[in-house]
Amino acid sequence: MMSADLPDDILPALPGQRLARGVARMLAGLGHAALPEFVPSGGLRVDVISVTPKGEIWVVECKSCRADFVSDRKWQGYLEFCDRFFWAVDADFPEGLLPEGSGLIRADSWGAELVRMAPESRLAGARRSRLLRDIARVSTARLLALTDPMGISGGAS
């Protein structure tokens, strides 16, 4: 079990990645299968995608500061790849910037708290099926790369 007493050099380098780690920990605690940095379609990369125990697909977009949020022009494209969409921000983020109709998670490097549940917008069956296959393929390739880094070639990441 990790603790906040460990040195910072074991933490992800970028603030958004640190938020994503805390979010993934929270989601795992809820029984989700969370996957960071997933590409649902060409030109898009979500910070965290998660499959709930009931099979819902959640997308969590992590924003480390106002500038990070304002410069993001792709987030609306993520809505067609999830049943629920969330923003994850730190305690200092100005919550009023975030659009209505999305979920809110407060996070840091070590964990997160679900502040506001996102409204549900059910995916079509064919899209859900493709996403679940893609999530499984990417997750498996990443897991195998940990145990055999030279054995994985050209797989999804």
N, C-alpha and C. Protein backbone atom coordinates (compact mmCIF):
# COMPACT_ATOMS: atom_id res chain seq x y z
N MET A 1 0.85 -1.19 0.00
CA MET A 1 0.00 0.00 0.00
C MET A 1 0.89 1.24 0.00
N MET A 2 0.62 2.17 -0.89
CA MET A 2 1.41 3.39 -0.98
C MET A 2 0.86 4.41 0.02
N SER A 3 1.72 5.32 0.39
CA SER A 3 1.28 6.38 1.28
C SER A 3 1.84 7.70 0.80
N ALA A 4 1.26 8.77 1.32
CA ALA A 4 1.70 10.11 0.94
C ALA A 4 3.11 10.40 1.46
N ASP A 5 3.68 9.51 2.29
CA ASP A 5 5.02 9.71 2.83
C ASP A 5 6.12 9.30 1.84
N LEU A 6 5.75 8.67 0.74
CA LEU A 6 6.75 8.22 -0.23
C LEU A 6 7.27 9.40 -1.03
N PRO A 7 8.48 9.29 -1.59
CA PRO A 7 9.06 10.41 -2.35
C PRO A 7 8.25 10.73 -3.60
N ASP A 8 8.28 12.01 -3.99
CA ASP A 8 7.54 12.46 -5.15
C ASP A 8 8.01 11.85 -6.46
N ASP A 9 9.26 11.35 -6.52
CA ASP A 9 9.78 10.86 -7.79
C ASP A 9 9.08 9.58 -8.26
N ILE A 10 8.28 8.94 -7.41
CA ILE A 10 7.53 7.77 -7.87
C ILE A 10 6.18 8.17 -8.46
N LEU A 11 5.83 9.43 -8.35
CA LEU A 11 4.58 9.93 -8.88
C LEU A 11 4.72 10.22 -10.37
N PRO A 12 3.60 10.13 -11.11
CA PRO A 12 3.66 10.56 -12.51
C PRO A 12 4.14 12.01 -12.59
N ALA A 13 4.83 12.32 -13.67
CA ALA A 13 5.47 13.63 -13.80
C ALA A 13 4.48 14.78 -14.01
N LEU A 14 3.45 14.56 -14.80
CA LEU A 14 2.54 15.64 -15.17
C LEU A 14 1.35 15.74 -14.22
N PRO A 15 0.90 16.98 -13.93
CA PRO A 15 -0.22 17.15 -12.99
C PRO A 15 -1.48 16.39 -13.40
N GLY A 16 -1.83 16.39 -14.67
CA GLY A 16 -3.01 15.66 -15.13
C GLY A 16 -2.88 14.16 -14.92
N GLN A 17 -1.67 13.65 -15.09
CA GLN A 17 -1.44 12.21 -14.85
C GLN A 17 -1.56 11.88 -13.36
N ARG A 18 -1.17 12.83 -12.53
CA ARG A 18 -1.32 12.61 -11.08
C ARG A 18 -2.79 12.56 -10.70
N LEU A 19 -3.59 13.46 -11.29
CA LEU A 19 -5.04 13.43 -11.05
C LEU A 19 -5.62 12.10 -11.55
N ALA A 20 -5.19 11.67 -12.74
CA ALA A 20 -5.70 10.43 -13.32
C ALA A 20 -5.39 9.24 -12.40
N ARG A 21 -4.24 9.25 -11.77
CA ARG A 21 -3.89 8.17 -10.85
C ARG A 21 -4.84 8.14 -9.66
N GLY A 22 -5.10 9.30 -9.09
CA GLY A 22 -6.05 9.36 -7.98
C GLY A 22 -7.44 8.93 -8.38
N VAL A 23 -7.86 9.32 -9.57
CA VAL A 23 -9.17 8.93 -10.10
C VAL A 23 -9.23 7.42 -10.28
N ALA A 24 -8.19 6.83 -10.88
CA ALA A 24 -8.16 5.39 -11.10
C ALA A 24 -8.24 4.64 -9.77
N ARG A 25 -7.59 5.14 -8.75
CA ARG A 25 -7.65 4.51 -7.43
C ARG A 25 -9.08 4.54 -6.89
N MET A 26 -9.74 5.69 -7.02
CA MET A 26 -11.12 5.81 -6.55
C MET A 26 -12.02 4.85 -7.31
N LEU A 27 -11.89 4.83 -8.64
CA LEU A 27 -12.73 3.97 -9.46
C LEU A 27 -12.51 2.50 -9.13
N ALA A 28 -11.26 2.11 -8.92
CA ALA A 28 -10.97 0.73 -8.54
C ALA A 28 -11.66 0.39 -7.22
N GLY A 29 -11.68 1.34 -6.30
CA GLY A 29 -12.36 1.14 -5.03
C GLY A 29 -13.87 0.96 -5.18
N LEU A 30 -14.42 1.47 -6.28
CA LEU A 30 -15.85 1.30 -6.58
C LEU A 30 -16.11 0.03 -7.39
N GLY A 31 -15.04 -0.73 -7.65
CA GLY A 31 -15.20 -1.97 -8.42
C GLY A 31 -15.08 -1.81 -9.92
N HIS A 32 -14.65 -0.63 -10.37
CA HIS A 32 -14.49 -0.37 -11.80
C HIS A 32 -13.19 -0.96 -12.33
N ALA A 33 -13.14 -1.15 -13.63
CA ALA A 33 -11.89 -1.44 -14.33
C ALA A 33 -11.51 -0.16 -15.07
N ALA A 34 -10.54 0.56 -14.53
CA ALA A 34 -10.15 1.87 -15.07
C ALA A 34 -8.89 1.74 -15.92
N LEU A 35 -8.86 2.45 -17.02
CA LEU A 35 -7.73 2.44 -17.94
C LEU A 35 -7.35 3.87 -18.28
N PRO A 36 -6.12 4.30 -17.96
CA PRO A 36 -5.71 5.67 -18.31
C PRO A 36 -5.28 5.78 -19.77
N GLU A 37 -5.37 6.99 -20.27
CA GLU A 37 -4.86 7.34 -21.60
C GLU A 37 -5.31 6.36 -22.68
N PHE A 38 -6.61 6.34 -22.91
CA PHE A 38 -7.23 5.45 -23.88
C PHE A 38 -7.66 6.24 -25.11
N VAL A 39 -7.43 5.66 -26.29
CA VAL A 39 -7.81 6.30 -27.56
C VAL A 39 -9.07 5.62 -28.08
N PRO A 40 -10.24 6.27 -27.94
CA PRO A 40 -11.48 5.65 -28.42
C PRO A 40 -11.67 5.78 -29.93
N SER A 41 -11.00 6.76 -30.52
CA SER A 41 -11.12 7.02 -31.95
C SER A 41 -9.93 7.89 -32.35
N GLY A 42 -9.57 7.84 -33.62
CA GLY A 42 -8.44 8.65 -34.09
C GLY A 42 -8.59 10.12 -33.71
N GLY A 43 -7.53 10.68 -33.18
CA GLY A 43 -7.52 12.10 -32.81
C GLY A 43 -8.06 12.39 -31.42
N LEU A 44 -8.54 11.38 -30.71
CA LEU A 44 -9.05 11.57 -29.36
C LEU A 44 -8.27 10.69 -28.39
N ARG A 45 -8.02 11.22 -27.19
CA ARG A 45 -7.39 10.44 -26.13
C ARG A 45 -7.99 10.88 -24.81
N VAL A 46 -8.74 9.97 -24.18
CA VAL A 46 -9.35 10.30 -22.89
C VAL A 46 -8.35 10.02 -21.78
N ASP A 47 -8.45 10.78 -20.71
CA ASP A 47 -7.53 10.61 -19.59
C ASP A 47 -7.77 9.30 -18.86
N VAL A 48 -9.03 8.99 -18.59
CA VAL A 48 -9.39 7.72 -17.94
C VAL A 48 -10.71 7.25 -18.53
N ILE A 49 -10.74 5.98 -18.92
CA ILE A 49 -12.00 5.33 -19.30
C ILE A 49 -12.18 4.20 -18.32
N SER A 50 -13.43 3.95 -17.94
CA SER A 50 -13.69 2.98 -16.90
C SER A 50 -14.94 2.18 -17.22
N VAL A 51 -14.88 0.90 -16.90
CA VAL A 51 -16.04 0.02 -17.04
C VAL A 51 -16.54 -0.28 -15.63
N THR A 52 -17.80 0.06 -15.37
CA THR A 52 -18.38 -0.16 -14.04
C THR A 52 -18.76 -1.63 -13.86
N PRO A 53 -19.03 -2.03 -12.63
CA PRO A 53 -19.48 -3.41 -12.41
C PRO A 53 -20.76 -3.76 -13.19
N LYS A 54 -21.58 -2.75 -13.50
CA LYS A 54 -22.82 -2.98 -14.26
C LYS A 54 -22.60 -2.88 -15.77
N GLY A 55 -21.36 -2.58 -16.19
CA GLY A 55 -21.06 -2.50 -17.62
C GLY A 55 -21.19 -1.12 -18.23
N GLU A 56 -21.45 -0.09 -17.42
CA GLU A 56 -21.45 1.27 -17.94
C GLU A 56 -20.03 1.67 -18.29
N ILE A 57 -19.90 2.56 -19.24
CA ILE A 57 -18.59 3.11 -19.59
C ILE A 57 -18.57 4.57 -19.19
N TRP A 58 -17.60 4.90 -18.35
CA TRP A 58 -17.41 6.27 -17.89
C TRP A 58 -16.14 6.82 -18.50
N VAL A 59 -16.17 8.10 -18.86
CA VAL A 59 -14.97 8.82 -19.27
C VAL A 59 -14.73 9.93 -18.26
N VAL A 60 -13.48 10.03 -17.81
CA VAL A 60 -13.09 11.07 -16.86
C VAL A 60 -11.97 11.89 -17.51
N GLU A 61 -12.22 13.17 -17.65
CA GLU A 61 -11.24 14.09 -18.21
C GLU A 61 -10.62 14.88 -17.06
N CYS A 62 -9.30 14.80 -16.90
CA CYS A 62 -8.58 15.42 -15.80
C CYS A 62 -8.04 16.78 -16.21
N LYS A 63 -8.36 17.80 -15.44
CA LYS A 63 -7.89 19.15 -15.72
C LYS A 63 -7.14 19.69 -14.52
N SER A 64 -5.87 20.01 -14.74
CA SER A 64 -5.00 20.42 -13.65
C SER A 64 -5.04 21.92 -13.35
N CYS A 65 -5.57 22.72 -14.28
CA CYS A 65 -5.63 24.16 -14.06
C CYS A 65 -6.57 24.80 -15.08
N ARG A 66 -6.84 26.07 -14.89
CA ARG A 66 -7.73 26.82 -15.80
C ARG A 66 -7.22 26.76 -17.23
N ALA A 67 -5.94 26.98 -17.44
CA ALA A 67 -5.37 26.98 -18.80
C ALA A 67 -5.54 25.62 -19.48
N ASP A 68 -5.36 24.55 -18.72
CA ASP A 68 -5.55 23.20 -19.25
C ASP A 68 -6.99 23.01 -19.72
N PHE A 69 -7.95 23.50 -18.94
CA PHE A 69 -9.36 23.38 -19.31
C PHE A 69 -9.68 24.24 -20.53
N VAL A 70 -9.27 25.49 -20.52
CA VAL A 70 -9.60 26.42 -21.61
C VAL A 70 -9.01 25.98 -22.93
N SER A 71 -7.84 25.36 -22.91
CA SER A 71 -7.19 24.94 -24.15
C SER A 71 -7.75 23.64 -24.73
N ASP A 72 -8.59 22.94 -23.98
CA ASP A 72 -9.14 21.65 -24.43
C ASP A 72 -10.31 21.89 -25.37
N ARG A 73 -10.12 21.58 -26.64
CA ARG A 73 -11.17 21.78 -27.64
C ARG A 73 -11.82 20.46 -28.07
N LYS A 74 -11.35 19.33 -27.50
CA LYS A 74 -11.82 18.03 -27.96
C LYS A 74 -12.80 17.33 -27.03
N TRP A 75 -13.01 17.84 -25.82
CA TRP A 75 -13.74 17.09 -24.81
C TRP A 75 -15.15 16.71 -25.25
N GLN A 76 -15.83 17.54 -26.02
CA GLN A 76 -17.20 17.21 -26.43
C GLN A 76 -17.23 15.98 -27.33
N GLY A 77 -16.12 15.70 -28.03
CA GLY A 77 -16.04 14.51 -28.85
C GLY A 77 -16.01 13.24 -28.01
N TYR A 78 -15.66 13.35 -26.73
CA TYR A 78 -15.60 12.18 -25.85
C TYR A 78 -17.00 11.70 -25.45
N LEU A 79 -17.99 12.58 -25.54
CA LEU A 79 -19.33 12.26 -25.06
C LEU A 79 -19.95 11.07 -25.79
N GLU A 80 -19.61 10.88 -27.04
CA GLU A 80 -20.19 9.77 -27.81
C GLU A 80 -19.52 8.43 -27.51
N PHE A 81 -18.57 8.43 -26.58
CA PHE A 81 -17.86 7.20 -26.22
C PHE A 81 -18.07 6.79 -24.76
N CYS A 82 -19.13 7.30 -24.14
CA CYS A 82 -19.37 6.95 -22.74
C CYS A 82 -20.84 7.06 -22.38
N ASP A 83 -21.19 6.35 -21.30
CA ASP A 83 -22.53 6.46 -20.71
C ASP A 83 -22.60 7.65 -19.75
N ARG A 84 -21.45 7.97 -19.15
CA ARG A 84 -21.37 9.10 -18.22
C ARG A 84 -20.02 9.79 -18.40
N PHE A 85 -20.04 11.13 -18.35
CA PHE A 85 -18.82 11.94 -18.53
C PHE A 85 -18.57 12.75 -17.28
N PHE A 86 -17.30 12.72 -16.82
CA PHE A 86 -16.90 13.42 -15.60
C PHE A 86 -15.69 14.31 -15.85
N TRP A 87 -15.60 15.37 -15.09
CA TRP A 87 -14.39 16.17 -14.97
C TRP A 87 -13.73 15.79 -13.65
N ALA A 88 -12.42 15.66 -13.65
CA ALA A 88 -11.67 15.48 -12.41
C ALA A 88 -10.73 16.67 -12.27
N VAL A 89 -10.82 17.34 -11.14
CA VAL A 89 -10.03 18.54 -10.89
C VAL A 89 -9.51 18.50 -9.46
N ASP A 90 -8.50 19.32 -9.17
CA ASP A 90 -7.99 19.37 -7.80
C ASP A 90 -8.82 20.34 -6.97
N ALA A 91 -8.50 20.43 -5.71
CA ALA A 91 -9.28 21.24 -4.77
C ALA A 91 -9.24 22.73 -5.09
N ASP A 92 -8.22 23.20 -5.81
CA ASP A 92 -8.09 24.62 -6.12
C ASP A 92 -8.73 25.02 -7.44
N PHE A 93 -9.21 24.06 -8.22
CA PHE A 93 -9.76 24.37 -9.55
C PHE A 93 -11.07 25.14 -9.40
N PRO A 94 -11.26 26.21 -10.21
CA PRO A 94 -12.51 26.98 -10.14
C PRO A 94 -13.67 26.20 -10.78
N GLU A 95 -14.45 25.55 -9.94
CA GLU A 95 -15.53 24.66 -10.38
C GLU A 95 -16.53 25.34 -11.32
N GLY A 96 -16.72 26.64 -11.18
CA GLY A 96 -17.66 27.38 -12.02
C GLY A 96 -17.32 27.36 -13.50
N LEU A 97 -16.09 27.04 -13.86
CA LEU A 97 -15.69 26.95 -15.27
C LEU A 97 -16.28 25.73 -15.96
N LEU A 98 -16.58 24.69 -15.21
CA LEU A 98 -16.99 23.42 -15.80
C LEU A 98 -18.42 23.49 -16.32
N PRO A 99 -18.67 22.90 -17.48
CA PRO A 99 -20.00 22.94 -18.07
C PRO A 99 -21.03 22.17 -17.23
N GLU A 100 -22.26 22.64 -17.29
CA GLU A 100 -23.38 21.94 -16.64
C GLU A 100 -23.57 20.59 -17.31
N GLY A 101 -24.21 19.69 -16.62
CA GLY A 101 -24.58 18.42 -17.21
C GLY A 101 -23.47 17.40 -17.29
N SER A 102 -22.46 17.55 -16.43
CA SER A 102 -21.38 16.57 -16.38
C SER A 102 -21.08 16.26 -14.92
N GLY A 103 -20.43 15.13 -14.70
CA GLY A 103 -20.07 14.75 -13.34
C GLY A 103 -18.83 15.48 -12.87
N LEU A 104 -18.61 15.46 -11.57
CA LEU A 104 -17.45 16.14 -10.98
C LEU A 104 -16.77 15.23 -9.97
N ILE A 105 -15.47 15.13 -10.11
CA ILE A 105 -14.62 14.37 -9.19
C ILE A 105 -13.52 15.30 -8.71
N ARG A 106 -13.31 15.36 -7.41
CA ARG A 106 -12.17 16.10 -6.83
C ARG A 106 -11.07 15.07 -6.60
N ALA A 107 -9.87 15.37 -7.09
CA ALA A 107 -8.81 14.36 -7.04
C ALA A 107 -7.47 14.98 -6.69
N ASP A 108 -6.57 14.11 -6.26
CA ASP A 108 -5.16 14.43 -6.14
C ASP A 108 -4.39 13.16 -6.51
N SER A 109 -3.11 13.13 -6.27
CA SER A 109 -2.29 11.98 -6.66
C SER A 109 -2.65 10.70 -5.93
N TRP A 110 -3.27 10.82 -4.78
CA TRP A 110 -3.46 9.67 -3.90
C TRP A 110 -4.86 9.12 -3.87
N GLY A 111 -5.83 9.87 -4.38
CA GLY A 111 -7.21 9.41 -4.35
C GLY A 111 -8.14 10.45 -4.92
N ALA A 112 -9.42 10.19 -4.80
CA ALA A 112 -10.42 11.10 -5.35
C ALA A 112 -11.75 10.89 -4.65
N GLU A 113 -12.65 11.85 -4.85
CA GLU A 113 -13.98 11.79 -4.28
C GLU A 113 -14.99 12.17 -5.36
N LEU A 114 -16.02 11.35 -5.50
CA LEU A 114 -17.10 11.64 -6.44
C LEU A 114 -17.99 12.71 -5.82
N VAL A 115 -17.96 13.91 -6.41
CA VAL A 115 -18.72 15.04 -5.86
C VAL A 115 -20.11 15.11 -6.48
N ARG A 116 -20.18 14.92 -7.80
CA ARG A 116 -21.46 15.01 -8.50
C ARG A 116 -21.53 13.92 -9.57
N MET A 117 -22.57 13.10 -9.50
CA MET A 117 -22.76 12.03 -10.49
C MET A 117 -23.14 12.65 -11.83
N ALA A 118 -22.56 12.11 -12.88
CA ALA A 118 -22.88 12.56 -14.23
C ALA A 118 -24.21 11.98 -14.67
N PRO A 119 -24.96 12.73 -15.46
CA PRO A 119 -26.19 12.15 -16.00
C PRO A 119 -25.87 11.02 -16.98
N GLU A 120 -26.79 10.08 -17.09
CA GLU A 120 -26.58 8.94 -17.98
C GLU A 120 -27.05 9.27 -19.40
N SER A 121 -26.24 8.85 -20.36
CA SER A 121 -26.57 8.94 -21.77
C SER A 121 -26.12 7.63 -22.39
N ARG A 122 -27.04 6.66 -22.49
CA ARG A 122 -26.68 5.29 -22.86
C ARG A 122 -26.09 5.19 -24.26
N LEU A 123 -25.00 4.44 -24.34
CA LEU A 123 -24.36 4.15 -25.62
C LEU A 123 -25.20 3.16 -26.42
N ALA A 124 -25.09 3.26 -27.73
CA ALA A 124 -25.70 2.26 -28.60
C ALA A 124 -24.97 0.94 -28.41
N GLY A 125 -25.68 -0.17 -28.57
CA GLY A 125 -25.11 -1.49 -28.34
C GLY A 125 -23.87 -1.77 -29.16
N ALA A 126 -23.86 -1.43 -30.44
CA ALA A 126 -22.71 -1.70 -31.29
C ALA A 126 -21.48 -0.91 -30.84
N ARG A 127 -21.68 0.34 -30.46
CA ARG A 127 -20.57 1.16 -29.99
C ARG A 127 -20.03 0.61 -28.67
N ARG A 128 -20.93 0.23 -27.75
CA ARG A 128 -20.51 -0.33 -26.46
C ARG A 128 -19.68 -1.60 -26.69
N SER A 129 -20.15 -2.46 -27.57
CA SER A 129 -19.45 -3.71 -27.85
C SER A 129 -18.04 -3.45 -28.39
N ARG A 130 -17.92 -2.52 -29.33
CA ARG A 130 -16.60 -2.20 -29.89
C ARG A 130 -15.70 -1.60 -28.83
N LEU A 131 -16.22 -0.68 -28.01
CA LEU A 131 -15.41 -0.06 -26.96
C LEU A 131 -14.93 -1.10 -25.94
N LEU A 132 -15.80 -2.00 -25.54
CA LEU A 132 -15.40 -3.02 -24.57
C LEU A 132 -14.31 -3.91 -25.14
N ARG A 133 -14.41 -4.27 -26.41
CA ARG A 133 -13.35 -5.06 -27.05
C ARG A 133 -12.04 -4.27 -27.08
N ASP A 134 -12.11 -2.99 -27.47
CA ASP A 134 -10.90 -2.17 -27.55
C ASP A 134 -10.26 -1.97 -26.18
N ILE A 135 -11.08 -1.74 -25.16
CA ILE A 135 -10.56 -1.59 -23.81
C ILE A 135 -9.85 -2.87 -23.37
N ALA A 136 -10.47 -4.00 -23.64
CA ALA A 136 -9.85 -5.29 -23.27
C ALA A 136 -8.54 -5.50 -24.00
N ARG A 137 -8.49 -5.20 -25.29
CA ARG A 137 -7.27 -5.39 -26.08
C ARG A 137 -6.13 -4.50 -25.58
N VAL A 138 -6.43 -3.23 -25.35
CA VAL A 138 -5.41 -2.28 -24.88
C VAL A 138 -4.94 -2.68 -23.49
N SER A 139 -5.87 -3.03 -22.61
CA SER A 139 -5.50 -3.43 -21.25
C SER A 139 -4.60 -4.65 -21.26
N THR A 140 -4.95 -5.63 -22.07
CA THR A 140 -4.15 -6.86 -22.15
C THR A 140 -2.76 -6.57 -22.71
N ALA A 141 -2.68 -5.76 -23.75
CA ALA A 141 -1.37 -5.43 -24.32
C ALA A 141 -0.49 -4.71 -23.30
N ARG A 142 -1.06 -3.80 -22.52
CA ARG A 142 -0.28 -3.09 -21.51
C ARG A 142 0.19 -4.03 -20.40
N LEU A 143 -0.68 -4.93 -19.98
CA LEU A 143 -0.31 -5.88 -18.94
C LEU A 143 0.81 -6.81 -19.42
N LEU A 144 0.68 -7.32 -20.63
CA LEU A 144 1.72 -8.19 -21.17
C LEU A 144 3.05 -7.44 -21.34
N ALA A 145 2.99 -6.18 -21.70
CA ALA A 145 4.21 -5.39 -21.88
C ALA A 145 4.97 -5.24 -20.56
N LEU A 146 4.27 -5.29 -19.44
CA LEU A 146 4.94 -5.21 -18.14
C LEU A 146 5.78 -6.45 -17.85
N THR A 147 5.28 -7.61 -18.29
CA THR A 147 5.98 -8.85 -17.98
C THR A 147 6.90 -9.29 -19.11
N ASP A 148 6.70 -8.77 -20.31
CA ASP A 148 7.53 -9.14 -21.46
C ASP A 148 7.65 -7.97 -22.41
N PRO A 149 8.37 -6.91 -22.02
CA PRO A 149 8.43 -5.69 -22.82
C PRO A 149 8.96 -5.90 -24.23
N MET A 150 9.79 -6.88 -24.47
CA MET A 150 10.34 -7.12 -25.81
C MET A 150 9.41 -8.02 -26.65
N GLY A 151 8.41 -8.62 -26.01
CA GLY A 151 7.54 -9.56 -26.73
C GLY A 151 6.34 -8.91 -27.40
N ILE A 152 6.01 -7.69 -27.03
CA ILE A 152 4.86 -7.00 -27.61
C ILE A 152 5.35 -6.15 -28.77
N SER A 153 4.76 -6.37 -29.92
CA SER A 153 5.15 -5.55 -31.08
C SER A 153 3.91 -5.00 -31.76
N GLY A 154 3.89 -3.71 -31.91
CA GLY A 154 2.84 -3.05 -32.66
C GLY A 154 1.47 -3.09 -32.02
N GLY A 155 1.33 -3.58 -30.81
CA GLY A 155 0.02 -3.66 -30.17
C GLY A 155 -0.49 -2.30 -29.77
N ALA A 156 -1.77 -2.23 -29.41
CA ALA A 156 -2.37 -0.98 -28.98
C ALA A 156 -1.80 -0.60 -27.62
N SER A 157 -1.76 0.70 -27.36
CA SER A 157 -1.28 1.14 -26.04
C SER A 157 -2.17 2.18 -25.44
